[in-house]
Each structure stands twice: as structure tokens, then as C-alpha cells.
């Protein structure tokens, strides 16, 4: 991963501020935002309702039922604890900020120039903004929204492995935790990590690297 020194502090501060601003602008149209009306779409309302029932002591899958993973209900539960109107949005805002930051770090692995790294992630940023017109994203609070940072963190580590042949037990553990979180949101996304892991496994066997650091 990228190792920074003191000379890069100002540049990294700019990265953080830019990521926060972009995430805020992207999620500003959500009805769950502090400026929204608070009326989420059907699936989002189901998740929030289950979270409300959890707050009353009811158990998901036993007293209430939906087919999504438990982490989604936990996120909604924590969001409602923060604030009944915009708490869930705040968590999603944090997740989206992480998305933009990891996008930059991934691009930085490809080029050491901060300017070129910013320019190179523009297509990815436009892709995230295009999700606003996708019904599964519009309105927020969907499993796909929360899976993105786990996917991007693992992708960043995978790109670093491809470019720099970096693989350690710690990195594998991080990818494993990201995979577990994604599976607890929506199980079928586990295939992404299966492909990553298979490529790494086959390459390490090919290179006879049987012991990791």
C-alpha cells in the first residue's frame, strides 16, 4: 500500500477533503439526507422497519423476515440510533467517502503523480455518480451501496499484488474480512473474492511461494 511522509500531508488533506465533498454531493439527493423528506423507497423502508423492530427487542429472521444479510439490518439499527431521520444517511456518507479515497489510492499505485492520479479516477467517479440514475441506488440504503467500500479495498490490495507482488497474511486477512462483510450484506458478491483468491493462489503456487510473511 501507499506509504506517506510528512511532505505529502497537505496533498493527502486535499484528497480527504475532495473525497468528503464528492461523497456529500453524490448523496445530497437522497431522501434520507438531512435535507431530504425522509421517505425512502420500498426495500430501504423494509430494512429500516426491521431495524426499528430490533430496537424493540425483536429478532431478524425470527420475528421479522427479509432475505438480505444481517449486516444490512445492523447498519440501519446503528443509523437509527444516531438519528431517526439522517443517521442511516450518515453511515452511507462515510462508506461513500471511503469509496472515493480508495479509488484514489488504487490509482496512486499506478502512478506516483498526485495530479495524474486525480485525473485517472475521473471515469470511476463518473461511474459512481451515474449510479444516481440506477433505481437500485437512487434513494440510498441498499446492500450494493455498503458493499462498494469492501469491494474497492480488496480491489486495491489485489492491484497492489498484481503490480508489486505484495501478499501477506495481514492483507489476506483484510480481504477475508471484507469478503465476510460483503457476504453478510448480499451473499452472491462473494464470487468477486473467489476470483481474486483463485488468481493469487494459482500464481503463488506457480512461483512456489508456499510461506507468506
Protein backbone atom coordinates (compact mmCIF):
# COMPACT_ATOMS: atom_id res chain seq x y z
CA UNK A 1 0.00 0.00 0.00
CA UNK A 2 0.91 3.65 -0.27
CA UNK A 3 3.32 4.85 2.44
CA UNK A 4 3.20 8.61 3.01
CA UNK A 5 5.72 11.00 4.59
CA UNK A 6 5.26 14.47 6.06
CA UNK A 7 5.80 16.17 2.71
CA UNK A 8 2.62 14.56 1.42
CA UNK A 9 0.39 15.64 4.32
CA UNK A 10 -1.01 18.68 2.52
CA UNK A 11 -1.70 16.69 -0.62
CA UNK A 12 -3.40 13.93 1.35
CA UNK A 13 -5.51 16.51 3.19
CA UNK A 14 -6.69 17.69 -0.22
CA UNK A 15 -7.56 14.08 -1.10
CA UNK A 16 -9.61 13.68 2.08
CA UNK A 17 -11.44 16.98 1.61
CA UNK A 18 -12.17 16.19 -2.04
CA UNK A 19 -13.49 12.72 -1.14
CA UNK A 20 -15.76 14.20 1.55
CA UNK A 21 -17.13 16.86 -0.79
CA UNK A 22 -17.77 14.41 -3.62
CA UNK A 23 -19.48 11.91 -1.32
CA UNK A 24 -21.64 14.67 0.16
CA UNK A 25 -22.67 15.96 -3.27
CA UNK A 26 -23.43 12.45 -4.53
CA UNK A 27 -25.68 11.59 -1.57
CA UNK A 28 -27.28 15.00 -1.25
CA UNK A 29 -30.28 13.92 -3.34
CA UNK A 30 -31.07 11.00 -1.04
CA UNK A 31 -34.42 11.32 0.78
CA UNK A 32 -32.60 10.09 3.91
CA UNK A 33 -30.21 13.06 3.90
CA UNK A 34 -30.61 15.87 6.47
CA UNK A 35 -32.21 17.91 3.69
CA UNK A 36 -34.43 15.13 2.35
CA UNK A 37 -38.04 14.34 3.12
CA UNK A 38 -37.21 11.08 4.89
CA UNK A 39 -39.37 8.90 2.64
CA UNK A 40 -37.18 6.03 1.45
CA UNK A 41 -38.08 3.51 -1.22
CA UNK A 42 -39.75 0.16 -0.53
CA UNK A 43 -36.67 -2.02 0.11
CA UNK A 44 -34.97 0.69 2.14
CA UNK A 45 -38.12 1.10 4.21
CA UNK A 46 -38.14 -2.65 4.90
CA UNK A 47 -34.56 -2.51 6.20
CA UNK A 48 -35.38 0.47 8.41
CA UNK A 49 -38.52 -1.24 9.71
CA UNK A 50 -36.57 -4.37 10.69
CA UNK A 51 -34.03 -2.14 12.44
CA UNK A 52 -36.85 -0.46 14.35
CA UNK A 53 -38.14 -3.87 15.42
CA UNK A 54 -34.64 -4.82 16.56
CA UNK A 55 -34.64 -1.74 18.76
CA UNK A 56 -37.81 -3.10 20.39
CA UNK A 57 -36.17 -6.45 21.09
CA UNK A 58 -37.39 -8.45 18.10
CA UNK A 59 -35.04 -10.84 16.29
CA UNK A 60 -34.42 -10.63 12.49
CA UNK A 61 -35.36 -13.81 10.56
CA UNK A 62 -37.37 -14.97 13.57
CA UNK A 63 -39.83 -12.20 14.44
CA UNK A 64 -39.31 -10.25 11.22
CA UNK A 65 -38.13 -11.56 7.86
CA UNK A 66 -36.31 -10.36 4.78
CA UNK A 67 -33.76 -12.18 2.64
CA UNK A 68 -30.86 -9.71 2.94
CA UNK A 69 -27.82 -10.25 5.15
CA UNK A 70 -27.71 -9.33 8.85
CA UNK A 71 -25.09 -6.60 8.45
CA UNK A 72 -27.58 -4.52 6.46
CA UNK A 73 -30.02 -4.53 9.36
CA UNK A 74 -27.24 -3.78 11.83
CA UNK A 75 -26.20 -0.73 9.78
CA UNK A 76 -29.78 0.52 9.79
CA UNK A 77 -30.05 -0.19 13.52
CA UNK A 78 -26.91 1.85 14.26
CA UNK A 79 -28.08 4.61 11.90
CA UNK A 80 -31.42 4.91 13.64
CA UNK A 81 -29.60 5.06 16.98
CA UNK A 82 -27.59 8.02 15.69
CA UNK A 83 -30.61 9.86 14.34
CA UNK A 84 -34.02 8.59 13.27
CA UNK A 85 -34.02 10.73 10.10
CA UNK A 86 -30.46 11.10 8.79
CA UNK A 87 -28.46 8.56 10.84
CA UNK A 88 -28.52 5.88 8.12
CA UNK A 89 -27.53 8.51 5.56
CA UNK A 90 -24.53 9.49 7.72
CA UNK A 91 -23.23 5.91 7.70
CA UNK A 92 -23.71 5.71 3.95
CA UNK A 93 -21.88 9.03 3.61
CA UNK A 94 -18.89 7.56 5.48
CA UNK A 95 -18.94 4.49 3.24
CA UNK A 96 -19.07 6.62 0.08
CA UNK A 97 -16.19 8.80 1.31
CA UNK A 98 -14.12 5.64 1.76
CA UNK A 99 -15.03 4.66 -1.81
CA UNK A 100 -13.56 7.84 -3.26
CA UNK A 101 -10.44 7.66 -1.10
CA UNK A 102 -9.70 4.04 -2.02
CA UNK A 103 -10.26 4.88 -5.68
CA UNK A 104 -7.51 7.46 -5.37
CA UNK A 105 -5.14 5.07 -3.55
CA UNK A 106 -5.70 2.44 -6.23
CA UNK A 107 -4.93 4.97 -8.93
CA UNK A 108 -1.87 6.12 -6.96
CA UNK A 109 -0.49 2.60 -7.20
CA UNK A 110 -0.44 3.03 -10.97
CA UNK A 111 1.21 6.45 -10.99
CA UNK A 112 3.10 8.42 -8.34
CA UNK A 113 1.86 11.77 -9.59
CA UNK A 114 -1.00 13.15 -7.49
CA UNK A 115 -2.35 15.16 -10.43
CA UNK A 116 -2.38 12.19 -12.81
CA UNK A 117 -3.94 10.04 -10.09
CA UNK A 118 -6.76 12.55 -9.67
CA UNK A 119 -7.32 12.71 -13.42
CA UNK A 120 -7.21 8.93 -13.84
CA UNK A 121 -10.03 8.30 -11.35
CA UNK A 122 -12.43 10.66 -13.12
CA UNK A 123 -14.06 7.79 -15.11
CA UNK A 124 -14.61 5.87 -11.86
CA UNK A 125 -16.07 8.96 -10.21
CA UNK A 126 -18.41 9.48 -13.16
CA UNK A 127 -19.44 5.83 -12.83
CA UNK A 128 -20.35 6.31 -9.16
CA UNK A 129 -22.32 9.43 -10.00
CA UNK A 130 -24.13 7.56 -12.77
CA UNK A 131 -25.47 5.21 -10.10
CA UNK A 132 -27.84 8.00 -9.12
CA UNK A 133 -29.99 7.15 -12.12
CA UNK A 134 -29.92 3.45 -11.26
CA UNK A 135 -33.06 2.51 -9.32
CA UNK A 136 -31.12 0.17 -7.04
CA UNK A 137 -29.01 3.09 -5.84
CA UNK A 138 -31.32 6.08 -6.11
CA UNK A 139 -32.58 6.85 -2.65
CA UNK A 140 -29.73 5.03 -0.94
CA UNK A 141 -29.63 2.47 1.85
CA UNK A 142 -29.21 -0.57 -0.39
CA UNK A 143 -26.86 -3.51 0.07
CA UNK A 144 -24.94 -2.56 -3.07
CA UNK A 145 -24.09 0.83 -1.55
CA UNK A 146 -22.47 -0.68 1.52
CA UNK A 147 -20.66 -3.44 -0.37
CA UNK A 148 -18.72 -0.97 -2.53
CA UNK A 149 -16.02 0.03 0.02
CA UNK A 150 -15.31 -3.61 0.93
CA UNK A 151 -15.03 -4.43 -2.76
CA UNK A 152 -12.79 -1.43 -3.51
CA UNK A 153 -10.45 -2.09 -0.58
CA UNK A 154 -9.97 -5.67 -1.76
CA UNK A 155 -9.53 -4.48 -5.34
CA UNK A 156 -6.85 -2.01 -4.22
CA UNK A 157 -4.94 -4.79 -2.43
CA UNK A 158 -5.36 -7.04 -5.46
CA UNK A 159 -3.99 -4.36 -7.82
CA UNK A 160 -1.04 -3.85 -5.46
CA UNK A 161 -0.42 -7.60 -5.59
CA UNK A 162 -0.55 -7.66 -9.40
CA UNK A 163 1.77 -4.67 -9.76
CA UNK A 164 4.16 -5.17 -6.86
CA UNK A 165 3.72 -8.85 -5.95
CA UNK A 166 2.75 -7.93 -2.39
CA UNK A 167 0.89 -10.60 -0.50
CA UNK A 168 0.97 -11.15 3.27
CA UNK A 169 -1.15 -12.84 5.89
CA UNK A 170 -2.39 -9.43 7.04
CA UNK A 171 -3.53 -8.48 3.56
CA UNK A 172 -5.25 -11.83 3.11
CA UNK A 173 -6.98 -11.33 6.46
CA UNK A 174 -8.19 -7.87 5.39
CA UNK A 175 -9.56 -9.27 2.13
CA UNK A 176 -11.17 -12.11 4.07
CA UNK A 177 -12.89 -9.68 6.45
CA UNK A 178 -14.07 -7.58 3.51
CA UNK A 179 -15.46 -10.71 1.87
CA UNK A 180 -17.23 -11.73 5.09
CA UNK A 181 -18.83 -8.28 5.42
CA UNK A 182 -19.95 -8.36 1.80
CA UNK A 183 -21.46 -11.82 2.28
CA UNK A 184 -23.34 -10.56 5.33
CA UNK A 185 -24.82 -7.90 3.09
CA UNK A 186 -25.51 -9.89 -0.07
CA UNK A 187 -24.14 -13.41 -0.44
CA UNK A 188 -23.73 -13.55 -4.22
CA UNK A 189 -20.99 -10.88 -4.17
CA UNK A 190 -18.61 -13.43 -2.66
CA UNK A 191 -17.77 -14.58 -6.20
CA UNK A 192 -15.58 -11.47 -6.64
CA UNK A 193 -13.29 -12.56 -3.78
CA UNK A 194 -13.34 -16.13 -5.00
CA UNK A 195 -11.88 -14.97 -8.34
CA UNK A 196 -9.28 -12.75 -6.61
CA UNK A 197 -8.25 -15.55 -4.27
CA UNK A 198 -8.04 -18.14 -7.02
CA UNK A 199 -5.76 -15.95 -9.14
CA UNK A 200 -3.46 -15.26 -6.18
CA UNK A 201 -3.41 -18.92 -5.13
CA UNK A 202 -2.54 -20.19 -8.60
CA UNK A 203 0.14 -17.54 -9.07
CA UNK A 204 1.74 -18.26 -5.68
CA UNK A 205 1.78 -22.00 -6.40
CA UNK A 206 3.32 -21.29 -9.79
CA UNK A 207 6.05 -19.19 -8.15
CA UNK A 208 6.48 -21.77 -5.35
CA UNK A 209 5.75 -19.17 -2.66
CA UNK A 210 4.24 -21.50 -0.11
CA UNK A 211 5.04 -19.43 3.02
CA UNK A 212 3.61 -15.94 3.42
CA UNK A 213 5.04 -13.22 5.64
